[in-house]
C-alpha atoms as a PDB file:
ATOM      1  CA  UNK A   1    -112.797-120.581 -53.882  1.00  0.00           C
ATOM      2  CA  UNK A   2    -115.696-123.014 -53.596  1.00  0.00           C
ATOM      3  CA  UNK A   3    -116.049-126.737 -53.396  1.00  0.00           C
ATOM      4  CA  UNK A   4    -114.147-129.149 -55.609  1.00  0.00           C
ATOM      5  CA  UNK A   5    -115.867-130.238 -58.818  1.00  0.00           C
ATOM      6  CA  UNK A   6    -116.774-133.658 -57.393  1.00  0.00           C
ATOM      7  CA  UNK A   7    -119.107-132.115 -54.804  1.00  0.00           C
ATOM      8  CA  UNK A   8    -121.242-130.310 -57.361  1.00  0.00           C
ATOM      9  CA  UNK A   9    -122.299-133.640 -58.869  1.00  0.00           C
ATOM     10  CA  UNK A  10    -123.373-135.164 -55.574  1.00  0.00           C
ATOM     11  CA  UNK A  11    -126.932-134.535 -54.448  1.00  0.00           C
ATOM     12  CA  UNK A  12    -126.595-134.868 -50.662  1.00  0.00           C
ATOM     13  CA  UNK A  13    -123.811-132.316 -49.967  1.00  0.00           C
ATOM     14  CA  UNK A  14    -125.486-129.700 -52.172  1.00  0.00           C
ATOM     15  CA  UNK A  15    -128.818-130.259 -50.426  1.00  0.00           C
ATOM     16  CA  UNK A  16    -127.120-130.146 -47.031  1.00  0.00           C
ATOM     17  CA  UNK A  17    -125.441-126.830 -47.858  1.00  0.00           C
ATOM     18  CA  UNK A  18    -128.710-125.351 -49.050  1.00  0.00           C
ATOM     19  CA  UNK A  19    -130.553-126.485 -45.903  1.00  0.00           C
ATOM     20  CA  UNK A  20    -127.819-124.997 -43.665  1.00  0.00           C
ATOM     21  CA  UNK A  21    -127.947-121.725 -45.594  1.00  0.00           C
ATOM     22  CA  UNK A  22    -131.738-121.635 -45.284  1.00  0.00           C
ATOM     23  CA  UNK A  23    -131.579-122.308 -41.525  1.00  0.00           C
ATOM     24  CA  UNK A  24    -129.023-119.546 -41.074  1.00  0.00           C
ATOM     25  CA  UNK A  25    -131.239-117.131 -42.986  1.00  0.00           C
ATOM     26  CA  UNK A  26    -134.311-118.113 -40.914  1.00  0.00           C
ATOM     27  CA  UNK A  27    -132.327-117.651 -37.694  1.00  0.00           C
ATOM     28  CA  UNK A  28    -131.214-114.158 -38.717  1.00  0.00           C
ATOM     29  CA  UNK A  29    -134.771-113.285 -39.771  1.00  0.00           C
ATOM     30  CA  UNK A  30    -136.229-114.399 -36.426  1.00  0.00           C
ATOM     31  CA  UNK A  31    -133.529-112.562 -34.510  1.00  0.00           C
ATOM     32  CA  UNK A  32    -134.210-109.391 -36.489  1.00  0.00           C
ATOM     33  CA  UNK A  33    -137.975-109.672 -35.909  1.00  0.00           C
ATOM     34  CA  UNK A  34    -137.533-110.147 -32.159  1.00  0.00           C
ATOM     35  CA  UNK A  35    -135.257-107.080 -31.986  1.00  0.00           C
ATOM     36  CA  UNK A  36    -137.794-105.084 -33.984  1.00  0.00           C
ATOM     37  CA  UNK A  37    -140.588-106.013 -31.563  1.00  0.00           C
ATOM     38  CA  UNK A  38    -138.367-105.267 -28.564  1.00  0.00           C
ATOM     39  CA  UNK A  39    -137.696-108.838 -27.461  1.00  0.00           C
ATOM     40  CA  UNK A  40    -134.044-108.944 -28.521  1.00  0.00           C
ATOM     41  CA  UNK A  41    -132.954-109.811 -24.980  1.00  0.00           C
ATOM     42  CA  UNK A  42    -135.276-112.815 -25.024  1.00  0.00           C
ATOM     43  CA  UNK A  43    -133.071-114.616 -27.542  1.00  0.00           C
ATOM     44  CA  UNK A  44    -129.838-113.894 -25.723  1.00  0.00           C
ATOM     45  CA  UNK A  45    -128.795-116.973 -23.809  1.00  0.00           C
ATOM     46  CA  UNK A  46    -127.984-116.840 -20.115  1.00  0.00           C
ATOM     47  CA  UNK A  47    -124.878-118.920 -20.688  1.00  0.00           C
ATOM     48  CA  UNK A  48    -121.750-116.825 -20.561  1.00  0.00           C
ATOM     49  CA  UNK A  49    -118.733-118.495 -22.072  1.00  0.00           C
ATOM     50  CA  UNK A  50    -115.426-117.317 -20.649  1.00  0.00           C
ATOM     51  CA  UNK A  51    -113.244-115.616 -23.171  1.00  0.00           C
ATOM     52  CA  UNK A  52    -109.803-117.134 -23.083  1.00  0.00           C
ATOM     53  CA  UNK A  53    -106.900-115.022 -24.134  1.00  0.00           C
ATOM     54  CA  UNK A  54    -103.417-116.371 -24.399  1.00  0.00           C
ATOM     55  CA  UNK A  55    -102.072-113.103 -23.032  1.00  0.00           C
ATOM     56  CA  UNK A  56    -104.171-113.262 -19.854  1.00  0.00           C
ATOM     57  CA  UNK A  57    -102.692-116.485 -18.602  1.00  0.00           C
ATOM     58  CA  UNK A  58    -102.517-117.165 -14.937  1.00  0.00           C
ATOM     59  CA  UNK A  59     -99.121-118.285 -13.624  1.00  0.00           C
ATOM     60  CA  UNK A  60    -100.243-121.909 -13.352  1.00  0.00           C
ATOM     61  CA  UNK A  61    -100.585-122.093 -17.147  1.00  0.00           C
ATOM     62  CA  UNK A  62     -97.247-120.478 -17.961  1.00  0.00           C
ATOM     63  CA  UNK A  63     -94.308-122.615 -18.935  1.00  0.00           C
ATOM     64  CA  UNK A  64     -91.646-123.192 -16.317  1.00  0.00           C
ATOM     65  CA  UNK A  65     -88.890-122.130 -18.686  1.00  0.00           C
ATOM     66  CA  UNK A  66     -90.633-118.775 -19.319  1.00  0.00           C
ATOM     67  CA  UNK A  67     -90.859-118.131 -15.572  1.00  0.00           C
ATOM     68  CA  UNK A  68     -87.184-118.988 -15.095  1.00  0.00           C
ATOM     69  CA  UNK A  69     -86.130-116.753 -17.993  1.00  0.00           C
ATOM     70  CA  UNK A  70     -88.143-113.900 -16.454  1.00  0.00           C
ATOM     71  CA  UNK A  71     -86.167-114.360 -13.234  1.00  0.00           C
ATOM     72  CA  UNK A  72     -82.854-114.204 -15.103  1.00  0.00           C
ATOM     73  CA  UNK A  73     -83.580-111.199 -17.341  1.00  0.00           C
ATOM     74  CA  UNK A  74     -83.228-107.934 -15.446  1.00  0.00           C
ATOM     75  CA  UNK A  75     -86.028-105.375 -15.286  1.00  0.00           C
ATOM     76  CA  UNK A  76     -84.870-101.763 -15.158  1.00  0.00           C
ATOM     77  CA  UNK A  77     -86.383 -98.368 -15.780  1.00  0.00           C
ATOM     78  CA  UNK A  78     -85.562 -96.832 -19.142  1.00  0.00           C
ATOM     79  CA  UNK A  79     -84.315 -93.640 -17.512  1.00  0.00           C
ATOM     80  CA  UNK A  80     -81.655 -95.658 -15.642  1.00  0.00           C
ATOM     81  CA  UNK A  81     -79.924 -96.703 -18.886  1.00  0.00           C
ATOM     82  CA  UNK A  82     -77.282 -94.572 -20.517  1.00  0.00           C
ATOM     83  CA  UNK A  83     -78.918 -92.860 -23.490  1.00  0.00           C
ATOM     84  CA  UNK A  84     -76.004 -93.270 -25.908  1.00  0.00           C
ATOM     85  CA  UNK A  85     -76.417 -96.974 -26.577  1.00  0.00           C
ATOM     86  CA  UNK A  86     -80.191 -97.441 -26.384  1.00  0.00           C
ATOM     87  CA  UNK A  87     -82.706 -97.410 -29.234  1.00  0.00           C
ATOM     88  CA  UNK A  88     -85.600 -94.978 -29.214  1.00  0.00           C
ATOM     89  CA  UNK A  89     -88.389 -97.546 -29.564  1.00  0.00           C
ATOM     90  CA  UNK A  90     -89.318-101.127 -28.764  1.00  0.00           C
ATOM     91  CA  UNK A  91     -88.878-103.458 -31.752  1.00  0.00           C
ATOM     92  CA  UNK A  92     -91.973-105.480 -30.732  1.00  0.00           C
ATOM     93  CA  UNK A  93     -94.659-102.798 -30.296  1.00  0.00           C
ATOM     94  CA  UNK A  94     -92.816 -99.930 -32.062  1.00  0.00           C
ATOM     95  CA  UNK A  95     -93.724 -97.447 -29.287  1.00  0.00           C
ATOM     96  CA  UNK A  96     -91.015 -95.149 -28.026  1.00  0.00           C
ATOM     97  CA  UNK A  97     -89.463 -95.775 -24.644  1.00  0.00           C
ATOM     98  CA  UNK A  98     -90.303 -93.304 -21.903  1.00  0.00           C
ATOM     99  CA  UNK A  99     -88.365 -92.563 -18.728  1.00  0.00           C
ATOM    100  CA  UNK A 100     -90.283 -94.478 -16.065  1.00  0.00           C
ATOM    101  CA  UNK A 101     -91.221 -97.521 -18.195  1.00  0.00           C
ATOM    102  CA  UNK A 102     -89.967-100.918 -17.133  1.00  0.00           C
ATOM    103  CA  UNK A 103     -87.813-102.588 -19.748  1.00  0.00           C
ATOM    104  CA  UNK A 104     -85.862-105.814 -20.048  1.00  0.00           C
ATOM    105  CA  UNK A 105     -82.339-105.824 -21.416  1.00  0.00           C
ATOM    106  CA  UNK A 106     -81.250-109.128 -22.871  1.00  0.00           C
ATOM    107  CA  UNK A 107     -77.934-110.355 -21.535  1.00  0.00           C
ATOM    108  CA  UNK A 108     -76.557-111.904 -24.742  1.00  0.00           C
ATOM    109  CA  UNK A 109     -77.402-109.386 -27.457  1.00  0.00           C
ATOM    110  CA  UNK A 110     -78.084-106.298 -25.276  1.00  0.00           C
ATOM    111  CA  UNK A 111     -81.367-105.498 -27.096  1.00  0.00           C
ATOM    112  CA  UNK A 112     -84.025-103.844 -24.955  1.00  0.00           C
ATOM    113  CA  UNK A 113     -87.790-104.232 -25.023  1.00  0.00           C
ATOM    114  CA  UNK A 114     -90.745-103.133 -22.936  1.00  0.00           C
ATOM    115  CA  UNK A 115     -91.211-105.583 -20.101  1.00  0.00           C
ATOM    116  CA  UNK A 116     -94.770-106.429 -21.162  1.00  0.00           C
ATOM    117  CA  UNK A 117     -93.763-106.936 -24.806  1.00  0.00           C
ATOM    118  CA  UNK A 118     -91.002-109.376 -23.935  1.00  0.00           C
ATOM    119  CA  UNK A 119     -93.182-111.141 -21.347  1.00  0.00           C
ATOM    120  CA  UNK A 120     -95.831-111.785 -24.024  1.00  0.00           C
ATOM    121  CA  UNK A 121     -93.076-113.129 -26.263  1.00  0.00           C
ATOM    122  CA  UNK A 122     -92.041-115.466 -23.451  1.00  0.00           C
ATOM    123  CA  UNK A 123     -95.660-116.558 -22.944  1.00  0.00           C
ATOM    124  CA  UNK A 124     -95.479-118.077 -26.421  1.00  0.00           C
ATOM    125  CA  UNK A 125     -92.603-120.220 -25.099  1.00  0.00           C
ATOM    126  CA  UNK A 126     -90.021-118.360 -27.156  1.00  0.00           C
ATOM    127  CA  UNK A 127     -86.455-118.616 -25.904  1.00  0.00           C
ATOM    128  CA  UNK A 128     -84.692-116.267 -28.323  1.00  0.00           C
ATOM    129  CA  UNK A 129     -84.526-112.511 -28.908  1.00  0.00           C
ATOM    130  CA  UNK A 130     -87.431-111.347 -31.088  1.00  0.00           C
ATOM    131  CA  UNK A 131     -85.051-109.130 -33.050  1.00  0.00           C
ATOM    132  CA  UNK A 132     -81.920-111.193 -33.701  1.00  0.00           C
ATOM    133  CA  UNK A 133     -82.879-114.693 -32.450  1.00  0.00           C
ATOM    134  CA  UNK A 134     -79.963-114.892 -30.028  1.00  0.00           C
ATOM    135  CA  UNK A 135     -80.818-117.245 -27.126  1.00  0.00           C
ATOM    136  CA  UNK A 136     -81.978-115.496 -23.948  1.00  0.00           C
ATOM    137  CA  UNK A 137     -79.753-117.644 -21.763  1.00  0.00           C
ATOM    138  CA  UNK A 138     -75.998-117.043 -22.174  1.00  0.00           C
ATOM    139  CA  UNK A 139     -73.875-120.130 -22.766  1.00  0.00           C
ATOM    140  CA  UNK A 140     -72.151-119.792 -19.379  1.00  0.00           C
ATOM    141  CA  UNK A 141     -75.547-119.822 -17.606  1.00  0.00           C
ATOM    142  CA  UNK A 142     -77.123-122.620 -19.685  1.00  0.00           C
ATOM    143  CA  UNK A 143     -76.098-125.450 -17.350  1.00  0.00           C
ATOM    144  CA  UNK A 144     -77.409-123.677 -14.244  1.00  0.00           C
ATOM    145  CA  UNK A 145     -80.616-122.831 -16.137  1.00  0.00           C
ATOM    146  CA  UNK A 146     -81.100-126.477 -17.124  1.00  0.00           C
ATOM    147  CA  UNK A 147     -80.577-127.596 -13.520  1.00  0.00           C
ATOM    148  CA  UNK A 148     -83.204-125.127 -12.300  1.00  0.00           C
ATOM    149  CA  UNK A 149     -85.555-126.243 -15.055  1.00  0.00           C
ATOM    150  CA  UNK A 150     -85.088-129.893 -14.156  1.00  0.00           C
ATOM    151  CA  UNK A 151     -85.533-129.161 -10.452  1.00  0.00           C
ATOM    152  CA  UNK A 152     -88.761-127.261 -11.130  1.00  0.00           C
ATOM    153  CA  UNK A 153     -90.046-130.147 -13.242  1.00  0.00           C
ATOM    154  CA  UNK A 154     -89.163-132.732 -10.563  1.00  0.00           C
ATOM    155  CA  UNK A 155     -86.723-134.558 -12.822  1.00  0.00           C
ATOM    156  CA  UNK A 156     -83.924-134.919 -10.216  1.00  0.00           C
ATOM    157  CA  UNK A 157     -86.394-136.631  -7.881  1.00  0.00           C
ATOM    158  CA  UNK A 158     -87.409-139.013 -10.644  1.00  0.00           C
ATOM    159  CA  UNK A 159     -83.834-139.889 -11.534  1.00  0.00           C
ATOM    160  CA  UNK A 160     -82.905-140.117  -7.867  1.00  0.00           C
ATOM    161  CA  UNK A 161     -85.598-142.747  -7.263  1.00  0.00           C
ATOM    162  CA  UNK A 162     -84.699-144.549 -10.481  1.00  0.00           C
ATOM    163  CA  UNK A 163     -80.961-144.678  -9.800  1.00  0.00           C
ATOM    164  CA  UNK A 164     -81.376-145.740  -6.138  1.00  0.00           C
ATOM    165  CA  UNK A 165     -83.228-148.901  -7.153  1.00  0.00           C
ATOM    166  CA  UNK A 166     -80.141-150.351  -8.813  1.00  0.00           C
END
């Protein structure tokens, strides 16, 4: 695409872009020369930045609702399900189900997924089926789920203190 027309008429941004491009070229040239001489490790910094992946979250960074939904949704082995009503593959990863794999069957829509696939979906704070968007929590369990969610968040304690002051 490029920069808008207004930038091509200005002197400073064009000069700044050219200087940055030149510095990047010089950096690559120096790095290449050091590798050629055998000093490539000399330029590598000792600082190691941790790589953060959303999928490798520790439990303290997971949402409370995702943890509660995991408790509600059953985990079973694929071989324990009757074969007549089950699909052959997971709709998230598209791999076929195998006998000893752990799966989760959703209570509302009865769709099944690999446990790890659905857990990653939950890690993104999704609360509906990835296939049909039916809520994970059935209507008859929604009130109990909300109470557990509020209790885990400390909301009853907050309201208890607030209401007792009147």
